Amino acid sequence: MAIPASETSTALIQNDIVVFGLIAATLGVIFWLASGPTPFWKKFFAWVPALLLCYFVPAIYNTVGLIDGSQGAIYNPIGSRVLLPVALVLLTMTIDLKGVLSLGPRLLFVFCMGTLGIALGAVVSFQLFEWIRPEVVAGDVWKGMAALSGSWIGGGANMVAIREVYQVDATLFGQFAVVDVAIANLWMATLLFLAGRAASIDARSGADTRAIDEMKSRLEAYEAANARIPTLTDLMVIIGIGFGIVGAAHAAGAPLAAWFSANVANASRFSLDSGFVWVVVFSTLAGLLLSFTPMRRLENAGMAKIGSACLYFLIASIGMQMDFTQLADRPWLLALGAVWMGVHILVLWGAAKMVRAPLFYFAIGSQGNIGAAASAPVVAAAFHPNLAPVGVLLGTIGYATGTLIAYWIGQVLRLMAT
């Protein structure tokens, strides 16, 4: 049976099944071209990562009106609520926990400085625009900025929680949602682009990449020594584990979130009333526990590749929500968001430079805050598929702390606004 996207949509394609097929076919074409069937495409993808096209091509579809990425079920629930947690389960099952811990305290330091950069960026951008264009930050704009800080330190669940705390007007909230999508997604696209050049960037900056290089080498050596041609049984077991755990996580997550909402004071500040947060926690925890069992050997049959395929589809589903024309709708709020993000990047860069951190630490220190578990593993996987769980771990920290930190950022902005 056909599933319509929305009766109010003006997109040319309004059937979710057709959109799903278009996105899947697009990913297939991109990866086929990236394999270098001709010299032209070999040269092209030497400069433009396939991952970036997986994001931008669906965004072009949305911008020109071929599809409507804000409607239908492609991103939610298929991409974010199904394929993302499946990817988390499968990729976390392959985790080398000892190797992740060996990445050391520098990674956590860079991540925390990324959080500080978001908080400092809110204050700096508010004060700057109060000086040069006070009308941009007049009235209750501080409330919208508080909500956006929740999104940029943890994700959408934190943003909604702050909206409820400060009773942000629906129109203002929607305007900052556009800023969130535009600025955060462009920054994510930039990180995906830089990921393909990590080796040369790290070499020029003199970064200490030994911990990451050792982990990658160990993973690649293990895969080379143990890889096998997967059987149908292998694939069905992998799929069964991934989707089965995600189904169980959704079954437990919703009532658990409802219980916390009804019985725990200030549960929303820590996103404990969000069912999706519990889905992410359960999926990650289940994958981590299974990584200590013989089930981890399924990696030899390509379990990480199946998880990565789910992530690539998620990237496309995120990209199809981007409308390039929205960048000009509210130019001054977008400028505010750009300054804010610029401060975050500057603080993060300084912290990474201080401890000679590689580009991976810089990228995941940023996305662990701004994208949390929804996009941090995507960016981490762009460096190496088996690094995705690192993004999950940092993203979970963002979920846990984002609402509380955003609440205090709102308090500071409110004082500045009076």
Protein backbone atom coordinates (compact mmCIF):
# COMPACT_ATOMS: atom_id res chain seq x y z
CA MET A 1 0.00 0.00 0.00
CA ALA A 2 1.35 3.46 -0.87
CA ILE A 3 2.26 5.71 2.01
CA PRO A 4 1.68 9.40 1.30
CA ALA A 5 4.19 11.90 2.69
CA SER A 6 1.74 14.66 3.52
CA GLU A 7 -1.37 16.19 2.02
CA THR A 8 0.08 19.66 2.54
CA SER A 9 3.40 18.94 0.83
CA THR A 10 4.07 20.54 -2.57
CA ALA A 11 6.93 18.19 -3.45
CA LEU A 12 6.86 16.40 -6.80
CA ILE A 13 7.33 13.01 -5.07
CA GLN A 14 5.03 12.57 -2.09
CA ASN A 15 5.12 8.80 -1.66
CA ASP A 16 7.50 7.63 1.05
CA ILE A 17 8.17 4.33 -0.70
CA VAL A 18 9.21 6.15 -3.87
CA VAL A 19 11.39 8.54 -1.84
CA PHE A 20 12.97 5.58 -0.05
CA GLY A 21 13.75 3.98 -3.40
CA LEU A 22 15.18 7.24 -4.76
CA ILE A 23 17.49 7.68 -1.77
CA ALA A 24 18.62 4.03 -1.89
CA ALA A 25 19.29 4.27 -5.63
CA THR A 26 21.18 7.53 -5.15
CA LEU A 27 23.44 5.94 -2.54
CA GLY A 28 24.04 2.99 -4.84
CA VAL A 29 25.05 5.25 -7.75
CA ILE A 30 27.33 7.35 -5.54
CA PHE A 31 29.20 4.32 -4.20
CA TRP A 32 29.45 2.76 -7.64
CA LEU A 33 30.96 5.94 -9.04
CA ALA A 34 33.25 6.19 -6.00
CA SER A 35 34.65 2.76 -6.88
CA GLY A 36 36.30 4.48 -9.86
CA PRO A 37 34.72 2.95 -13.00
CA THR A 38 36.47 5.64 -15.10
CA PRO A 39 39.56 7.85 -14.60
CA PHE A 40 37.33 10.92 -14.28
CA TRP A 41 35.46 9.53 -11.30
CA LYS A 42 38.69 8.36 -9.68
CA LYS A 43 39.99 11.93 -9.81
CA PHE A 44 36.62 13.38 -8.75
CA PHE A 45 36.30 11.24 -5.62
CA ALA A 46 39.94 11.87 -4.76
CA TRP A 47 38.78 15.43 -3.97
CA VAL A 48 35.11 14.99 -3.07
CA PRO A 49 34.37 12.26 -0.48
CA ALA A 50 31.47 9.95 -1.31
CA LEU A 51 30.16 10.57 2.19
CA LEU A 52 29.69 14.25 1.40
CA LEU A 53 27.64 13.49 -1.71
CA CYS A 54 25.47 11.12 0.33
CA TYR A 55 24.55 14.20 2.34
CA PHE A 56 24.35 16.91 -0.33
CA VAL A 57 22.58 15.14 -3.19
CA PRO A 58 19.42 14.45 -1.08
CA ALA A 59 19.64 18.07 0.11
CA ILE A 60 19.50 19.18 -3.52
CA TYR A 61 16.44 16.97 -4.07
CA ASN A 62 14.75 18.73 -1.15
CA THR A 63 15.80 22.24 -2.18
CA VAL A 64 14.48 21.95 -5.75
CA GLY A 65 11.17 20.49 -4.54
CA LEU A 66 11.63 16.96 -5.85
CA ILE A 67 11.00 15.62 -2.35
CA ASP A 68 9.98 17.11 1.00
CA GLY A 69 12.48 15.97 3.61
CA SER A 70 10.48 17.49 6.47
CA GLN A 71 7.52 15.20 5.77
CA GLY A 72 7.03 11.47 5.73
CA ALA A 73 8.73 8.62 7.51
CA ILE A 74 12.15 8.46 5.86
CA TYR A 75 14.07 10.30 8.59
CA ASN A 76 11.65 9.65 11.44
CA PRO A 77 11.12 6.82 12.16
CA ILE A 78 13.08 4.90 9.49
CA GLY A 79 16.40 6.73 9.61
CA SER A 80 16.70 8.08 13.14
CA ARG A 81 14.55 5.64 15.13
CA VAL A 82 15.32 2.38 13.33
CA LEU A 83 18.51 2.45 11.24
CA LEU A 84 20.51 4.65 13.63
CA PRO A 85 20.04 2.40 16.69
CA VAL A 86 20.59 -0.69 14.51
CA ALA A 87 23.89 0.83 13.40
CA LEU A 88 24.75 1.57 17.02
CA VAL A 89 24.12 -2.05 18.01
CA LEU A 90 26.14 -3.54 15.16
CA LEU A 91 29.03 -1.10 15.30
CA THR A 92 29.25 -1.18 19.10
CA MET A 93 29.37 -4.99 18.99
CA THR A 94 32.65 -4.66 17.09
CA ILE A 95 34.13 -2.23 19.62
CA ASP A 96 37.59 -2.75 20.96
CA LEU A 97 36.87 -1.22 24.39
CA LYS A 98 40.49 -1.47 25.46
CA GLY A 99 41.50 0.37 22.33
CA VAL A 100 38.89 3.09 22.87
CA LEU A 101 40.08 3.63 26.44
CA SER A 102 43.64 3.80 25.16
CA LEU A 103 42.71 6.94 23.22
CA GLY A 104 43.32 8.64 26.56
CA PRO A 105 42.14 11.75 28.41
CA ARG A 106 42.97 14.12 25.53
CA LEU A 107 39.76 13.13 23.76
CA LEU A 108 37.61 13.90 26.81
CA PHE A 109 39.43 17.21 27.29
CA VAL A 110 38.74 18.28 23.69
CA PHE A 111 35.09 17.23 24.05
CA CYS A 112 34.66 19.27 27.26
CA MET A 113 36.28 22.28 25.61
CA GLY A 114 33.79 21.87 22.77
CA THR A 115 30.99 22.17 25.32
CA LEU A 116 32.67 25.25 26.77
CA GLY A 117 32.90 26.68 23.25
CA ILE A 118 29.13 26.36 22.80
CA ALA A 119 28.46 28.11 26.13
CA LEU A 120 30.99 30.85 25.42
CA GLY A 121 29.72 31.22 21.85
CA ALA A 122 26.19 31.92 23.09
CA VAL A 123 27.42 34.74 25.31
CA VAL A 124 29.81 36.22 22.73
CA SER A 125 27.33 36.14 19.84
CA PHE A 126 24.53 37.64 21.98
CA GLN A 127 26.77 40.47 23.20
CA LEU A 128 28.18 41.15 19.73
CA PHE A 129 24.77 41.51 18.13
CA GLU A 130 23.52 43.57 21.05
CA TRP A 131 26.26 46.04 20.09
CA ILE A 132 25.96 46.00 16.29
CA ARG A 133 22.28 45.06 15.67
CA PRO A 134 20.35 45.05 18.95
CA GLU A 135 17.05 44.26 17.23
CA VAL A 136 18.36 40.78 16.37
CA VAL A 137 18.58 39.78 20.06
CA ALA A 138 15.68 41.89 21.32
CA GLY A 139 12.72 40.51 23.25
CA ASP A 140 12.67 36.79 23.97
CA VAL A 141 15.41 35.82 21.51
CA TRP A 142 17.46 34.69 24.50
CA LYS A 143 14.91 31.91 25.03
CA GLY A 144 15.39 30.68 21.48
CA MET A 145 19.16 30.77 21.98
CA ALA A 146 18.80 28.74 25.17
CA ALA A 147 16.82 26.11 23.25
CA LEU A 148 19.42 26.06 20.48
CA SER A 149 22.20 25.60 23.02
CA GLY A 150 20.30 22.53 24.23
CA SER A 151 20.41 21.12 20.71
CA TRP A 152 24.09 21.96 20.34
CA ILE A 153 24.98 20.27 23.63
CA GLY A 154 23.13 17.02 23.27
CA GLY A 155 20.59 17.08 20.44
CA GLY A 156 16.95 17.62 19.62
CA ALA A 157 15.56 16.06 22.81
CA ASN A 158 17.47 18.61 24.88
CA MET A 159 16.26 21.45 22.64
CA VAL A 160 12.64 20.45 23.17
CA ALA A 161 13.23 20.09 26.91
CA ILE A 162 14.58 23.65 27.12
CA ARG A 163 11.64 24.87 25.06
CA GLU A 164 9.33 23.50 27.73
CA VAL A 165 11.43 24.90 30.58
CA TYR A 166 11.48 28.44 29.19
CA GLN A 167 8.15 28.28 27.33
CA VAL A 168 9.69 29.35 24.01
CA ASP A 169 7.17 30.78 21.54
CA ALA A 170 6.41 28.35 18.69
CA THR A 171 7.41 30.84 15.96
CA LEU A 172 10.67 31.74 17.67
CA PHE A 173 11.40 28.07 18.29
CA GLY A 174 10.80 27.32 14.61
CA GLN A 175 13.16 30.12 13.55
CA PHE A 176 15.95 28.74 15.70
CA ALA A 177 15.20 25.26 14.43
CA VAL A 178 16.05 26.61 10.96
CA VAL A 179 19.29 28.07 12.34
CA ASP A 180 20.03 24.70 13.93
CA VAL A 181 19.49 22.77 10.72
CA ALA A 182 21.35 25.23 8.51
CA ILE A 183 24.42 25.94 10.62
CA ALA A 184 24.86 22.55 12.31
CA ASN A 185 24.35 20.60 9.08
CA LEU A 186 26.76 22.78 7.11
CA TRP A 187 29.34 22.26 9.85
CA MET A 188 28.72 18.53 9.81
CA ALA A 189 29.19 18.52 6.03
CA THR A 190 32.48 20.38 6.50
CA LEU A 191 33.68 17.78 9.00
CA LEU A 192 32.73 14.96 6.63
CA PHE A 193 34.76 16.68 3.92
CA LEU A 194 37.76 17.15 6.22
CA ALA A 195 37.60 13.53 7.36
CA GLY A 196 38.78 12.43 3.95
CA ARG A 197 41.88 14.58 4.38
CA ALA A 198 42.61 13.72 8.01
CA ALA A 199 46.01 12.14 7.34
CA SER A 200 47.43 15.15 5.49
CA ILE A 201 45.89 17.64 7.96
CA ASP A 202 47.32 15.77 10.95
CA ALA A 203 50.72 15.55 9.28
CA ARG A 204 50.83 19.32 8.67
CA SER A 205 49.64 20.16 12.20
CA GLY A 206 52.06 17.78 13.90
CA ALA A 207 49.21 16.03 15.75
CA ASP A 208 49.94 12.96 17.86
CA THR A 209 47.95 10.24 16.11
CA ARG A 210 49.67 7.21 17.61
CA ALA A 211 46.70 6.04 19.69
CA ILE A 212 44.29 6.22 16.75
CA ASP A 213 46.79 4.70 14.31
CA GLU A 214 47.46 1.78 16.65
CA MET A 215 43.74 1.17 17.09
CA LYS A 216 43.08 1.30 13.33
CA SER A 217 46.01 -1.00 12.59
CA ARG A 218 44.88 -3.50 15.19
CA LEU A 219 41.32 -3.51 13.82
CA GLU A 220 42.43 -3.80 10.22
CA ALA A 221 44.89 -6.61 11.04
CA TYR A 222 42.18 -8.48 12.93
CA GLU A 223 39.76 -8.09 10.02
CA ALA A 224 42.34 -9.20 7.46
CA ALA A 225 43.24 -12.29 9.49
CA ASN A 226 39.70 -13.36 10.31
CA ALA A 227 37.46 -12.06 7.49
CA ARG A 228 35.36 -14.64 5.70
CA ILE A 229 32.73 -14.74 3.02
CA PRO A 230 29.43 -14.30 4.89
CA THR A 231 26.81 -16.99 4.60
CA LEU A 232 23.07 -16.34 4.49
CA THR A 233 22.93 -17.56 8.08
CA ASP A 234 25.56 -14.98 9.10
CA LEU A 235 23.63 -12.15 7.49
CA MET A 236 20.29 -13.20 8.93
CA VAL A 237 21.77 -13.53 12.43
CA ILE A 238 23.37 -10.08 12.15
CA ILE A 239 20.12 -8.51 10.96
CA GLY A 240 18.15 -10.41 13.60
CA ILE A 241 20.41 -9.18 16.39
CA GLY A 242 20.36 -5.57 15.21
CA PHE A 243 16.65 -5.17 14.57
CA GLY A 244 15.66 -7.45 17.45
CA ILE A 245 17.57 -5.40 20.01
CA VAL A 246 16.23 -2.14 18.57
CA GLY A 247 12.68 -3.47 18.79
CA ALA A 248 13.22 -4.44 22.41
CA ALA A 249 14.81 -1.04 23.12
CA HIS A 250 11.77 0.77 21.73
CA ALA A 251 9.44 -1.51 23.70
CA ALA A 252 11.26 -0.70 26.95
CA GLY A 253 12.21 2.91 26.19
CA ALA A 254 8.74 4.44 25.86
CA PRO A 255 7.27 3.19 29.17
CA LEU A 256 10.55 3.87 30.99
CA ALA A 257 10.57 7.46 29.73
CA ALA A 258 6.94 7.85 30.78
CA TRP A 259 7.77 6.51 34.25
CA PHE A 260 10.64 8.97 34.70
CA SER A 261 8.46 11.82 33.46
CA ALA A 262 5.75 10.97 36.00
CA ASN A 263 7.89 10.05 39.00
CA VAL A 264 11.28 11.79 38.80
CA ALA A 265 11.58 15.51 39.41
CA ASN A 266 13.42 17.45 36.69
CA ALA A 267 13.69 14.33 34.54
CA SER A 268 13.42 16.50 31.44
CA ARG A 269 16.60 18.38 32.37
CA PHE A 270 18.54 15.20 31.81
CA SER A 271 16.35 13.98 28.89
CA LEU A 272 15.29 10.99 30.99
CA ASP A 273 11.73 11.52 29.77
CA SER A 274 12.76 11.00 26.15
CA GLY A 275 12.06 7.54 24.79
CA PHE A 276 14.69 8.01 22.08
CA VAL A 277 17.40 8.66 24.66
CA TRP A 278 16.62 5.30 26.26
CA VAL A 279 16.60 3.60 22.85
CA VAL A 280 20.11 4.96 22.24
CA VAL A 281 21.26 3.93 25.73
CA PHE A 282 19.82 0.41 25.48
CA SER A 283 21.10 -0.14 21.93
CA THR A 284 24.59 1.02 22.82
CA LEU A 285 24.69 -0.93 26.09
CA ALA A 286 23.44 -4.12 24.43
CA GLY A 287 26.03 -3.82 21.67
CA LEU A 288 28.77 -3.15 24.22
CA LEU A 289 27.82 -6.20 26.31
CA LEU A 290 27.70 -8.41 23.22
CA SER A 291 31.19 -7.20 22.26
CA PHE A 292 32.49 -9.31 25.18
CA THR A 293 30.81 -12.46 23.85
CA PRO A 294 31.53 -14.77 20.91
CA MET A 295 28.93 -12.75 18.98
CA ARG A 296 31.70 -10.25 18.27
CA ARG A 297 33.11 -12.76 15.77
CA LEU A 298 30.25 -11.85 13.46
CA GLU A 299 32.42 -8.88 12.54
CA ASN A 300 34.39 -11.39 10.47
CA ALA A 301 31.26 -11.76 8.32
CA GLY A 302 30.94 -8.02 7.72
CA MET A 303 28.80 -6.87 10.64
CA ALA A 304 30.44 -3.41 10.66
CA LYS A 305 29.73 -3.01 6.95
CA ILE A 306 26.01 -3.62 7.51
CA GLY A 307 26.07 -1.11 10.36
CA SER A 308 27.87 1.38 8.13
CA ALA A 309 25.26 0.93 5.41
CA CYS A 310 22.59 1.90 7.94
CA LEU A 311 24.64 4.99 8.83
CA TYR A 312 24.99 6.05 5.20
CA PHE A 313 21.24 5.89 4.78
CA LEU A 314 20.89 7.99 7.93
CA ILE A 315 23.28 10.56 6.45
CA ALA A 316 21.10 10.78 3.35
CA SER A 317 17.94 11.10 5.47
CA ILE A 318 19.54 13.95 7.42
CA GLY A 319 20.64 15.65 4.22
CA MET A 320 17.18 15.47 2.67
CA GLN A 321 15.88 17.78 5.41
CA MET A 322 18.25 20.55 4.33
CA ASP A 323 16.79 23.35 2.19
CA PHE A 324 19.50 25.64 0.88
CA THR A 325 16.95 28.45 0.33
CA GLN A 326 16.36 28.61 4.10
CA LEU A 327 19.81 30.07 4.52
CA ALA A 328 18.49 33.43 3.28
CA ASP A 329 15.14 33.52 5.10
CA ARG A 330 16.45 34.93 8.38
CA PRO A 331 19.90 36.28 7.52
CA TRP A 332 20.64 37.93 10.85
CA LEU A 333 19.64 34.94 12.96
CA LEU A 334 21.75 32.81 10.66
CA ALA A 335 24.60 35.27 11.12
CA LEU A 336 24.12 34.99 14.88
CA GLY A 337 24.33 31.20 14.62
CA ALA A 338 27.42 31.44 12.40
CA VAL A 339 29.23 33.64 14.93
CA TRP A 340 28.18 31.28 17.71
CA MET A 341 29.49 28.27 15.83
CA GLY A 342 32.65 30.15 14.96
CA VAL A 343 33.43 30.69 18.66
CA HIS A 344 32.85 26.99 19.31
CA ILE A 345 35.21 26.05 16.49
CA LEU A 346 37.86 28.51 17.65
CA VAL A 347 37.80 27.26 21.25
CA LEU A 348 37.86 23.66 20.06
CA TRP A 349 40.75 24.32 17.69
CA GLY A 350 42.73 25.98 20.48
CA ALA A 351 42.13 23.02 22.79
CA ALA A 352 43.12 20.51 20.11
CA LYS A 353 46.24 22.52 19.32
CA MET A 354 47.15 22.69 23.01
CA VAL A 355 47.26 18.89 23.40
CA ARG A 356 48.34 18.10 19.81
CA ALA A 357 45.08 16.26 19.22
CA PRO A 358 44.42 14.74 15.79
CA LEU A 359 41.58 15.89 13.55
CA PHE A 360 39.43 12.98 14.72
CA TYR A 361 39.44 14.34 18.29
CA PHE A 362 38.54 17.79 16.99
CA ALA A 363 35.69 16.47 14.83
CA ILE A 364 34.19 14.11 17.38
CA GLY A 365 34.69 16.64 20.19
CA SER A 366 32.45 18.97 18.19
CA GLN A 367 29.83 16.46 16.99
CA GLY A 368 29.62 14.76 20.38
CA ASN A 369 28.11 18.07 21.49
CA ILE A 370 26.32 19.44 18.44
CA GLY A 371 24.98 16.23 16.97
CA ALA A 372 25.19 13.88 19.96
CA ALA A 373 24.28 10.26 19.25
CA ALA A 374 22.38 11.20 16.08
CA SER A 375 25.41 12.34 14.08
CA ALA A 376 28.54 11.86 16.21
CA PRO A 377 28.84 8.19 15.16
CA VAL A 378 28.34 9.25 11.52
CA VAL A 379 31.29 11.64 11.68
CA ALA A 380 33.37 9.13 13.66
CA ALA A 381 32.66 6.42 11.07
CA ALA A 382 33.90 8.78 8.34
CA PHE A 383 37.36 8.39 9.89
CA HIS A 384 37.00 4.64 10.40
CA PRO A 385 33.84 2.49 10.70
CA ASN A 386 35.01 0.94 13.95
CA LEU A 387 35.43 4.37 15.56
CA ALA A 388 31.67 4.99 15.48
CA PRO A 389 31.18 3.76 19.08
CA VAL A 390 33.51 6.54 20.27
CA GLY A 391 30.99 9.00 18.86
CA VAL A 392 28.19 7.17 20.61
CA LEU A 393 29.93 7.37 23.99
CA LEU A 394 30.57 11.11 23.73
CA GLY A 395 27.10 11.72 22.31
CA THR A 396 25.57 9.99 25.31
CA ILE A 397 27.48 12.35 27.61
CA GLY A 398 25.98 15.23 25.61
CA TYR A 399 22.49 13.84 26.08
CA ALA A 400 23.01 13.51 29.83
CA THR A 401 24.43 16.99 30.42
CA GLY A 402 23.02 19.11 27.59
CA THR A 403 19.70 20.15 29.13
CA LEU A 404 21.21 21.21 32.44
CA ILE A 405 24.03 23.20 30.82
CA ALA A 406 21.59 24.81 28.36
CA TYR A 407 19.36 25.82 31.26
CA TRP A 408 22.23 27.76 32.86
CA ILE A 409 23.20 29.29 29.50
CA GLY A 410 19.59 30.53 29.32
CA GLN A 411 19.92 32.07 32.77
CA VAL A 412 23.05 33.95 31.74
CA LEU A 413 21.44 35.17 28.50
CA ARG A 414 18.35 36.31 30.41
CA LEU A 415 20.53 38.45 32.67
CA MET A 416 22.27 39.91 29.61
CA ALA A 417 18.91 40.69 28.00
CA THR A 418 17.61 42.71 30.96
